[in-house]
Amino acid sequence: MQACAFVTKKADIPALVKSQFERIYAAAKLECYFSDSENDALAWLAALGCSLDKE
């Protein structure tokens, strides 16, 4: 696993979701990104060289 992008627009408390996962991913030394937009999240992952494989 290289990175993870979270789309938090439907989260009840987006700030809480972000703070919890930021700590987890920081401890694991993995990049993470938070957005209200799925397109922005996918674009960020693509910029890191990640792809959406549908296999």
C-alpha atoms as a PDB file:
ATOM      1  CA  MET A   1       0.000   0.000   0.000  1.00  0.00           C
ATOM      2  CA  GLN A   2       1.349   3.346  -1.044  1.00  0.00           C
ATOM      3  CA  ALA A   3      -1.312   5.853   0.013  1.00  0.00           C
ATOM      4  CA  CYS A   4      -4.972   6.310   0.867  1.00  0.00           C
ATOM      5  CA  ALA A   5      -7.486   8.980  -0.054  1.00  0.00           C
ATOM      6  CA  PHE A   6     -10.606   9.509   2.025  1.00  0.00           C
ATOM      7  CA  VAL A   7     -13.818  11.094   0.773  1.00  0.00           C
ATOM      8  CA  THR A   8     -15.493  12.478   3.879  1.00  0.00           C
ATOM      9  CA  LYS A   9     -18.476  14.387   2.475  1.00  0.00           C
ATOM     10  CA  LYS A  10     -20.987  11.952   3.995  1.00  0.00           C
ATOM     11  CA  ALA A  11     -19.217  11.570   7.347  1.00  0.00           C
ATOM     12  CA  ASP A  12     -21.219  12.789  10.344  1.00  0.00           C
ATOM     13  CA  ILE A  13     -18.140  14.483  11.804  1.00  0.00           C
ATOM     14  CA  PRO A  14     -15.485  14.877   9.063  1.00  0.00           C
ATOM     15  CA  ALA A  15     -12.942  16.492  11.418  1.00  0.00           C
ATOM     16  CA  LEU A  16     -13.090  13.483  13.748  1.00  0.00           C
ATOM     17  CA  VAL A  17     -12.664  11.035  10.873  1.00  0.00           C
ATOM     18  CA  LYS A  18      -9.693  13.044   9.605  1.00  0.00           C
ATOM     19  CA  SER A  19      -7.958  13.275  12.998  1.00  0.00           C
ATOM     20  CA  GLN A  20      -8.334   9.551  13.684  1.00  0.00           C
ATOM     21  CA  PHE A  21      -7.058   8.378  10.313  1.00  0.00           C
ATOM     22  CA  GLU A  22      -4.273  10.986  10.137  1.00  0.00           C
ATOM     23  CA  ARG A  23      -2.746   9.519  13.301  1.00  0.00           C
ATOM     24  CA  ILE A  24      -3.007   5.961  12.002  1.00  0.00           C
ATOM     25  CA  TYR A  25      -1.455   6.729   8.634  1.00  0.00           C
ATOM     26  CA  ALA A  26       1.264   8.940  10.139  1.00  0.00           C
ATOM     27  CA  ALA A  27       2.264   6.101  12.467  1.00  0.00           C
ATOM     28  CA  ALA A  28       2.383   3.742   9.478  1.00  0.00           C
ATOM     29  CA  LYS A  29       4.350   6.329   7.464  1.00  0.00           C
ATOM     30  CA  LEU A  30       1.787   6.278   4.657  1.00  0.00           C
ATOM     31  CA  GLU A  31       0.474   9.268   2.730  1.00  0.00           C
ATOM     32  CA  CYS A  32      -3.187  10.125   3.161  1.00  0.00           C
ATOM     33  CA  TYR A  33      -5.471  12.760   1.695  1.00  0.00           C
ATOM     34  CA  PHE A  34      -8.916  13.973   2.710  1.00  0.00           C
ATOM     35  CA  SER A  35     -11.449  15.567   0.392  1.00  0.00           C
ATOM     36  CA  ASP A  36     -15.155  16.125  -0.113  1.00  0.00           C
ATOM     37  CA  SER A  37     -14.698  15.196  -3.773  1.00  0.00           C
ATOM     38  CA  GLU A  38     -14.126  11.700  -5.121  1.00  0.00           C
ATOM     39  CA  ASN A  39     -12.612  13.202  -8.282  1.00  0.00           C
ATOM     40  CA  ASP A  40     -10.090  15.213  -6.251  1.00  0.00           C
ATOM     41  CA  ALA A  41      -9.185  12.135  -4.207  1.00  0.00           C
ATOM     42  CA  LEU A  42      -8.657  10.044  -7.334  1.00  0.00           C
ATOM     43  CA  ALA A  43      -6.614  12.829  -8.948  1.00  0.00           C
ATOM     44  CA  TRP A  44      -4.373  13.002  -5.859  1.00  0.00           C
ATOM     45  CA  LEU A  45      -3.820   9.238  -5.968  1.00  0.00           C
ATOM     46  CA  ALA A  46      -3.063   9.394  -9.697  1.00  0.00           C
ATOM     47  CA  ALA A  47      -0.509  12.164  -9.061  1.00  0.00           C
ATOM     48  CA  LEU A  48       1.279   9.754  -6.724  1.00  0.00           C
ATOM     49  CA  GLY A  49       1.327   7.117  -9.445  1.00  0.00           C
ATOM     50  CA  CYS A  50      -1.471   5.015  -8.000  1.00  0.00           C
ATOM     51  CA  SER A  51      -4.008   3.545 -10.385  1.00  0.00           C
ATOM     52  CA  LEU A  52      -7.490   2.173 -10.063  1.00  0.00           C
ATOM     53  CA  ASP A  53      -7.193  -1.426 -11.242  1.00  0.00           C
ATOM     54  CA  LYS A  54     -10.518  -3.080 -11.895  1.00  0.00           C
ATOM     55  CA  GLU A  55      -9.219  -6.647 -11.938  1.00  0.00           C
END
